[in-house]
Amino acid sequence: MTAQTDDIVSTTCITTPDGVALRVRSAGEPGRPAVLIASACGMPAELCDAWLRFLAPEHHVLTWETRGLFGGPRGAGEDPEAFDGMGHGVVDQIGDILAVLDHHQVSRTHVMGLCGGAVLALRLAAEHADRVASISLWHGDFDLGADSPKTSHQRNLQALMEIAAENRRSAAMVHATVPRNATADLPADLTELVVHPFLDAETFYRYSLLNGALMAEDIRTALPRIEAPTLIVTSEDDRTAHPAGSRAVAAALPGSRLHVAPAGDHLSVFAAEDALTTVAAEFLADAEQFRR
């Protein structure tokens, strides 16, 4: 186990029970109410730093990086043979959450699911209710069966990942078609983080297996089992994850709180802007009062 720290955020490398190395970012004092951020699949943990820093004064905040895509303290992930031998499904990624919580001795936590991480938040709350105090789902990428409301981005990405996940040769062919100017409109400070899944053909192959499992996970079976207080956040104009998916999840969870912003997307969520941090803080305060 290795650790790196700055003034607020620490990075630790842990090993899961099935031998996979995970980089974990944490902030805040252990023993405070815990918040675990299930970020978008394949994204460097630093992308959540704005949220870690916002939440740290009153919470113990944790996030981790997707198995097989990063590896050790600054590694690029396990070698191909090791990656092929590990699990890539939703159950395996839920196991990583439990490993992070156990390592940090967190018995119960609020789970903040961003994009595909919202799928993990729902599954964890359904299958390990004793570990989940409350959940929030931010611009969730949800599959709700054959008639799922999905944007063209969701459908196109899922179709590409299905091809790329077949084998490394297919992944290389698909990766070669990714436009090299796709990052032109991204903020300069986020570009390197956001494009990590498309870094090279091998990384894209691994991402397609891992994120493909999340995008194909029909979450309808989890919804009737959710008992934790739940916040669902989306926007009217999200062109990445269809806002109708979030509305459908909210409708299926009586008593949940739905917040629909007039505008916003995935990058604005990671920026932890004031309008969203206010929503998060109010919900956490209410949920923690409920827990007491």
Protein backbone atom coordinates (compact mmCIF):
# COMPACT_ATOMS: atom_id res chain seq x y z
CA MET A 1 0.00 0.00 0.00
CA THR A 2 1.30 3.44 -0.95
CA ALA A 3 -0.07 6.88 -0.21
CA GLN A 4 0.34 10.41 -1.51
CA THR A 5 -1.16 13.50 0.10
CA ASP A 6 -1.67 17.17 -0.57
CA ASP A 7 -3.29 19.74 1.69
CA ILE A 8 -6.70 18.04 1.62
CA VAL A 9 -6.81 15.01 -0.69
CA SER A 10 -4.90 11.76 -0.22
CA THR A 11 -4.26 8.98 -2.73
CA THR A 12 -3.86 5.39 -1.57
CA CYS A 13 -3.37 2.17 -3.51
CA ILE A 14 -5.31 -0.81 -2.16
CA THR A 15 -5.70 -4.39 -3.34
CA THR A 16 -9.12 -6.02 -3.63
CA PRO A 17 -9.81 -9.58 -2.37
CA ASP A 18 -9.48 -10.83 -5.97
CA GLY A 19 -6.06 -9.21 -6.32
CA VAL A 20 -6.87 -6.08 -8.32
CA ALA A 21 -5.00 -2.85 -7.54
CA LEU A 22 -7.18 0.24 -7.08
CA ARG A 23 -6.22 3.87 -6.64
CA VAL A 24 -8.42 5.53 -4.01
CA ARG A 25 -8.76 9.27 -3.40
CA SER A 26 -9.96 10.40 0.01
CA ALA A 27 -10.52 13.62 1.93
CA GLY A 28 -11.90 14.59 5.32
CA GLU A 29 -11.57 13.03 8.73
CA PRO A 30 -12.39 9.33 9.24
CA GLY A 31 -15.35 8.96 11.56
CA ARG A 32 -17.33 11.77 10.00
CA PRO A 33 -20.43 10.88 7.93
CA ALA A 34 -19.07 9.07 4.89
CA VAL A 35 -19.66 9.92 1.23
CA LEU A 36 -18.49 7.53 -1.47
CA ILE A 37 -18.40 8.96 -5.00
CA ALA A 38 -19.04 6.36 -7.69
CA SER A 39 -17.67 8.31 -10.62
CA ALA A 40 -18.13 7.75 -14.34
CA CYS A 41 -16.43 4.53 -15.43
CA GLY A 42 -12.86 4.91 -16.62
CA MET A 43 -12.30 8.43 -15.35
CA PRO A 44 -9.24 9.38 -13.26
CA ALA A 45 -10.13 9.95 -9.62
CA GLU A 46 -8.85 13.52 -9.81
CA LEU A 47 -11.93 14.41 -11.83
CA CYS A 48 -13.87 14.29 -8.55
CA ASP A 49 -11.49 16.51 -6.60
CA ALA A 50 -13.83 19.51 -6.61
CA TRP A 51 -16.43 17.39 -4.83
CA LEU A 52 -13.89 15.91 -2.42
CA ARG A 53 -12.74 19.37 -1.42
CA PHE A 54 -16.29 20.69 -1.07
CA LEU A 55 -17.47 17.79 1.08
CA ALA A 56 -14.32 17.25 3.16
CA PRO A 57 -15.00 19.82 5.92
CA GLU A 58 -17.97 17.81 7.22
CA HIS A 59 -17.54 14.34 5.68
CA HIS A 60 -15.12 11.53 5.08
CA VAL A 61 -15.12 11.37 1.27
CA LEU A 62 -13.88 8.48 -0.87
CA THR A 63 -13.68 7.70 -4.56
CA TRP A 64 -11.77 5.11 -6.57
CA GLU A 65 -10.69 4.32 -10.11
CA THR A 66 -12.12 1.59 -12.30
CA ARG A 67 -10.39 -1.78 -12.05
CA GLY A 68 -7.93 -2.68 -14.79
CA LEU A 69 -7.67 0.83 -16.20
CA PHE A 70 -5.24 2.43 -13.76
CA GLY A 71 -3.62 -0.08 -11.42
CA GLY A 72 -1.02 1.06 -8.89
CA PRO A 73 -0.11 4.50 -7.56
CA ARG A 74 0.18 6.04 -11.04
CA GLY A 75 0.01 2.88 -13.13
CA ALA A 76 -1.79 2.34 -16.40
CA GLY A 77 -3.36 -0.89 -15.23
CA GLU A 78 -2.55 -4.57 -15.05
CA ASP A 79 -0.89 -6.32 -17.99
CA PRO A 80 -3.23 -7.87 -20.58
CA GLU A 81 -3.04 -11.36 -19.12
CA ALA A 82 -3.93 -10.12 -15.64
CA PHE A 83 -6.74 -7.96 -17.03
CA ASP A 84 -8.20 -10.86 -19.00
CA GLY A 85 -8.19 -12.98 -15.85
CA MET A 86 -10.12 -10.52 -13.68
CA GLY A 87 -13.87 -9.95 -13.56
CA HIS A 88 -15.30 -7.07 -15.61
CA GLY A 89 -18.96 -7.09 -14.67
CA VAL A 90 -21.19 -5.04 -12.40
CA VAL A 91 -20.80 -7.57 -9.56
CA ASP A 92 -17.02 -7.19 -9.73
CA GLN A 93 -17.25 -3.39 -9.67
CA ILE A 94 -19.60 -3.57 -6.68
CA GLY A 95 -16.96 -5.73 -5.01
CA ASP A 96 -14.47 -2.90 -5.52
CA ILE A 97 -16.78 -0.52 -3.66
CA LEU A 98 -16.98 -2.91 -0.73
CA ALA A 99 -13.19 -3.26 -0.74
CA VAL A 100 -12.79 0.53 -0.60
CA LEU A 101 -15.29 0.84 2.25
CA ASP A 102 -13.76 -2.03 4.19
CA HIS A 103 -10.23 -0.71 3.79
CA HIS A 104 -11.29 2.66 5.19
CA GLN A 105 -13.44 1.03 7.90
CA VAL A 106 -16.64 2.68 6.67
CA SER A 107 -19.69 0.71 7.75
CA ARG A 108 -22.36 2.90 6.10
CA THR A 109 -22.09 5.66 3.55
CA HIS A 110 -23.94 8.02 1.29
CA VAL A 111 -23.25 6.90 -2.29
CA MET A 112 -23.04 9.64 -4.90
CA GLY A 113 -23.36 8.06 -8.35
CA LEU A 114 -22.23 10.09 -11.36
CA CYS A 115 -23.21 8.98 -14.88
CA GLY A 116 -22.55 5.21 -15.02
CA GLY A 117 -21.65 5.32 -11.35
CA ALA A 118 -25.36 5.82 -10.69
CA VAL A 119 -25.89 2.20 -11.80
CA LEU A 120 -23.41 1.03 -9.17
CA ALA A 121 -25.08 3.23 -6.55
CA LEU A 122 -28.46 1.64 -7.24
CA ARG A 123 -27.12 -1.91 -7.28
CA LEU A 124 -25.17 -1.38 -4.07
CA ALA A 125 -28.23 0.08 -2.32
CA ALA A 126 -30.38 -2.82 -3.50
CA GLU A 127 -27.97 -5.64 -2.66
CA HIS A 128 -26.06 -4.23 0.33
CA ALA A 129 -28.64 -2.03 2.01
CA ASP A 130 -26.84 -2.29 5.33
CA ARG A 131 -23.87 -0.39 3.86
CA VAL A 132 -25.90 2.43 2.27
CA ALA A 133 -27.36 5.29 4.31
CA SER A 134 -28.61 7.28 1.29
CA ILE A 135 -27.90 7.72 -2.41
CA SER A 136 -27.81 10.48 -4.98
CA LEU A 137 -27.85 9.84 -8.73
CA TRP A 138 -26.36 12.56 -10.93
CA HIS A 139 -27.13 12.55 -14.67
CA GLY A 140 -27.43 8.77 -14.47
CA ASP A 141 -26.81 6.58 -17.50
CA PHE A 142 -29.69 4.15 -16.99
CA ASP A 143 -30.89 1.12 -18.93
CA LEU A 144 -34.59 0.51 -18.41
CA GLY A 145 -35.17 -2.27 -20.89
CA ALA A 146 -35.97 -2.30 -24.59
CA ASP A 147 -37.73 1.06 -24.56
CA SER A 148 -35.13 2.93 -22.52
CA PRO A 149 -35.00 6.66 -23.20
CA LYS A 150 -31.45 7.20 -24.49
CA THR A 151 -29.72 10.01 -26.28
CA SER A 152 -27.94 9.49 -29.58
CA HIS A 153 -24.68 9.70 -27.63
CA GLN A 154 -25.72 6.83 -25.38
CA ARG A 155 -26.87 4.65 -28.25
CA ASN A 156 -23.83 5.36 -30.42
CA LEU A 157 -21.32 4.80 -27.62
CA GLN A 158 -23.00 1.58 -26.53
CA ALA A 159 -23.00 0.26 -30.10
CA LEU A 160 -19.29 1.07 -30.51
CA MET A 161 -18.41 -0.54 -27.18
CA GLU A 162 -20.31 -3.71 -28.05
CA ILE A 163 -18.10 -4.11 -31.11
CA ALA A 164 -14.90 -3.11 -29.31
CA ALA A 165 -15.55 -5.52 -26.43
CA GLU A 166 -15.51 -8.53 -28.78
CA ASN A 167 -11.69 -8.65 -28.92
CA ARG A 168 -8.62 -6.41 -29.08
CA ARG A 169 -8.57 -6.38 -32.88
CA SER A 170 -12.12 -5.05 -33.00
CA ALA A 171 -11.28 -2.49 -30.32
CA ALA A 172 -8.32 -1.24 -32.36
CA MET A 173 -10.51 -0.85 -35.44
CA VAL A 174 -13.16 1.10 -33.52
CA HIS A 175 -10.57 3.19 -31.69
CA ALA A 176 -9.06 4.25 -35.02
CA THR A 177 -12.40 5.81 -35.99
CA VAL A 178 -12.62 8.08 -32.92
CA PRO A 179 -12.28 11.67 -34.17
CA ARG A 180 -9.00 13.22 -33.05
CA ASN A 181 -10.71 16.62 -32.63
CA ALA A 182 -13.37 15.27 -30.28
CA THR A 183 -11.84 17.15 -27.34
CA ALA A 184 -11.77 20.55 -29.02
CA ASP A 185 -14.65 21.92 -26.95
CA LEU A 186 -13.52 20.53 -23.59
CA PRO A 187 -12.05 22.78 -20.89
CA ALA A 188 -8.25 22.55 -21.05
CA ASP A 189 -7.95 21.49 -17.39
CA LEU A 190 -10.32 18.54 -17.88
CA THR A 191 -9.29 17.26 -21.31
CA GLU A 192 -6.54 14.89 -20.15
CA LEU A 193 -8.82 13.39 -17.51
CA VAL A 194 -11.96 13.01 -19.62
CA VAL A 195 -10.25 11.34 -22.58
CA HIS A 196 -8.48 8.64 -20.55
CA PRO A 197 -10.79 5.82 -21.76
CA PHE A 198 -9.77 6.66 -25.34
CA LEU A 199 -6.05 6.94 -24.60
CA ASP A 200 -5.14 3.98 -26.81
CA ALA A 201 -6.73 0.85 -28.27
CA GLU A 202 -5.91 -1.32 -25.24
CA THR A 203 -7.45 1.15 -22.80
CA PHE A 204 -10.52 1.49 -25.02
CA TYR A 205 -10.91 -2.29 -25.16
CA ARG A 206 -10.86 -2.49 -21.36
CA TYR A 207 -13.22 0.48 -21.04
CA SER A 208 -15.63 -1.14 -23.49
CA LEU A 209 -15.84 -4.28 -21.36
CA LEU A 210 -16.20 -2.44 -18.05
CA ASN A 211 -18.43 0.46 -19.06
CA GLY A 212 -20.34 -1.73 -21.48
CA ALA A 213 -21.40 -3.86 -18.52
CA LEU A 214 -22.76 -0.77 -16.75
CA MET A 215 -24.58 0.58 -19.79
CA ALA A 216 -26.24 -2.80 -20.43
CA GLU A 217 -27.31 -3.31 -16.80
CA ASP A 218 -31.12 -3.22 -16.61
CA ILE A 219 -31.66 -1.42 -13.31
CA ARG A 220 -35.42 -2.06 -13.14
CA THR A 221 -34.90 -5.08 -10.90
CA ALA A 222 -32.99 -2.94 -8.40
CA LEU A 223 -35.56 -0.17 -8.05
CA PRO A 224 -38.21 -2.03 -5.97
CA ARG A 225 -35.49 -2.94 -3.44
CA ILE A 226 -34.25 0.62 -2.83
CA GLU A 227 -35.12 1.80 0.68
CA ALA A 228 -32.45 4.45 1.20
CA PRO A 229 -33.39 8.13 0.87
CA THR A 230 -32.65 9.06 -2.73
CA LEU A 231 -31.89 12.25 -4.66
CA ILE A 232 -32.00 12.21 -8.48
CA VAL A 233 -30.38 15.08 -10.38
CA THR A 234 -30.56 15.82 -14.10
CA SER A 235 -31.11 18.77 -16.42
CA GLU A 236 -33.54 19.67 -19.16
CA ASP A 237 -30.84 19.72 -21.83
CA ASP A 238 -28.49 16.84 -20.97
CA ARG A 239 -27.48 15.40 -24.35
CA THR A 240 -25.19 12.77 -22.84
CA ALA A 241 -27.54 10.79 -20.56
CA HIS A 242 -31.23 11.23 -21.38
CA PRO A 243 -33.03 13.17 -18.62
CA ALA A 244 -36.13 11.01 -19.15
CA GLY A 245 -34.17 8.11 -17.68
CA SER A 246 -33.69 10.04 -14.43
CA ARG A 247 -37.36 11.02 -14.40
CA ALA A 248 -38.36 7.37 -14.80
CA VAL A 249 -36.12 6.32 -11.91
CA ALA A 250 -37.59 9.05 -9.72
CA ALA A 251 -41.12 7.93 -10.61
CA ALA A 252 -40.23 4.37 -9.60
CA LEU A 253 -38.91 5.45 -6.20
CA PRO A 254 -41.75 6.91 -4.13
CA GLY A 255 -40.45 9.52 -1.75
CA SER A 256 -37.32 10.23 -3.76
CA ARG A 257 -36.31 13.82 -4.47
CA LEU A 258 -35.97 14.88 -8.12
CA HIS A 259 -33.98 17.98 -9.06
CA VAL A 260 -34.11 19.04 -12.72
CA ALA A 261 -31.86 21.97 -13.55
CA PRO A 262 -32.72 24.12 -16.58
CA ALA A 263 -29.27 23.45 -18.04
CA GLY A 264 -26.25 21.32 -17.28
CA ASP A 265 -24.21 18.35 -18.39
CA HIS A 266 -21.71 15.85 -17.08
CA LEU A 267 -18.81 18.27 -17.04
CA SER A 268 -20.75 20.81 -15.00
CA VAL A 269 -21.44 18.06 -12.45
CA PHE A 270 -17.74 17.33 -12.03
CA ALA A 271 -17.03 21.04 -11.62
CA ALA A 272 -19.17 21.03 -8.45
CA GLU A 273 -20.63 24.44 -9.19
CA ASP A 274 -22.54 26.32 -6.51
CA ALA A 275 -26.01 25.46 -7.81
CA LEU A 276 -25.27 21.74 -7.50
CA THR A 277 -23.29 21.80 -4.27
CA THR A 278 -26.26 23.54 -2.64
CA VAL A 279 -28.57 20.73 -3.77
CA ALA A 280 -26.12 18.11 -2.51
CA ALA A 281 -25.54 19.79 0.86
CA GLU A 282 -29.26 20.21 1.55
CA PHE A 283 -30.00 16.59 0.72
CA LEU A 284 -27.08 15.27 2.77
CA ALA A 285 -28.14 17.34 5.76
CA ASP A 286 -31.69 15.97 5.53
CA ALA A 287 -30.52 12.40 4.99
CA GLU A 288 -28.09 12.52 7.90
CA GLN A 289 -30.83 13.91 10.15
CA PHE A 290 -33.00 10.99 9.04
CA ARG A 291 -30.17 8.54 9.82
CA ARG A 292 -29.87 9.87 13.39
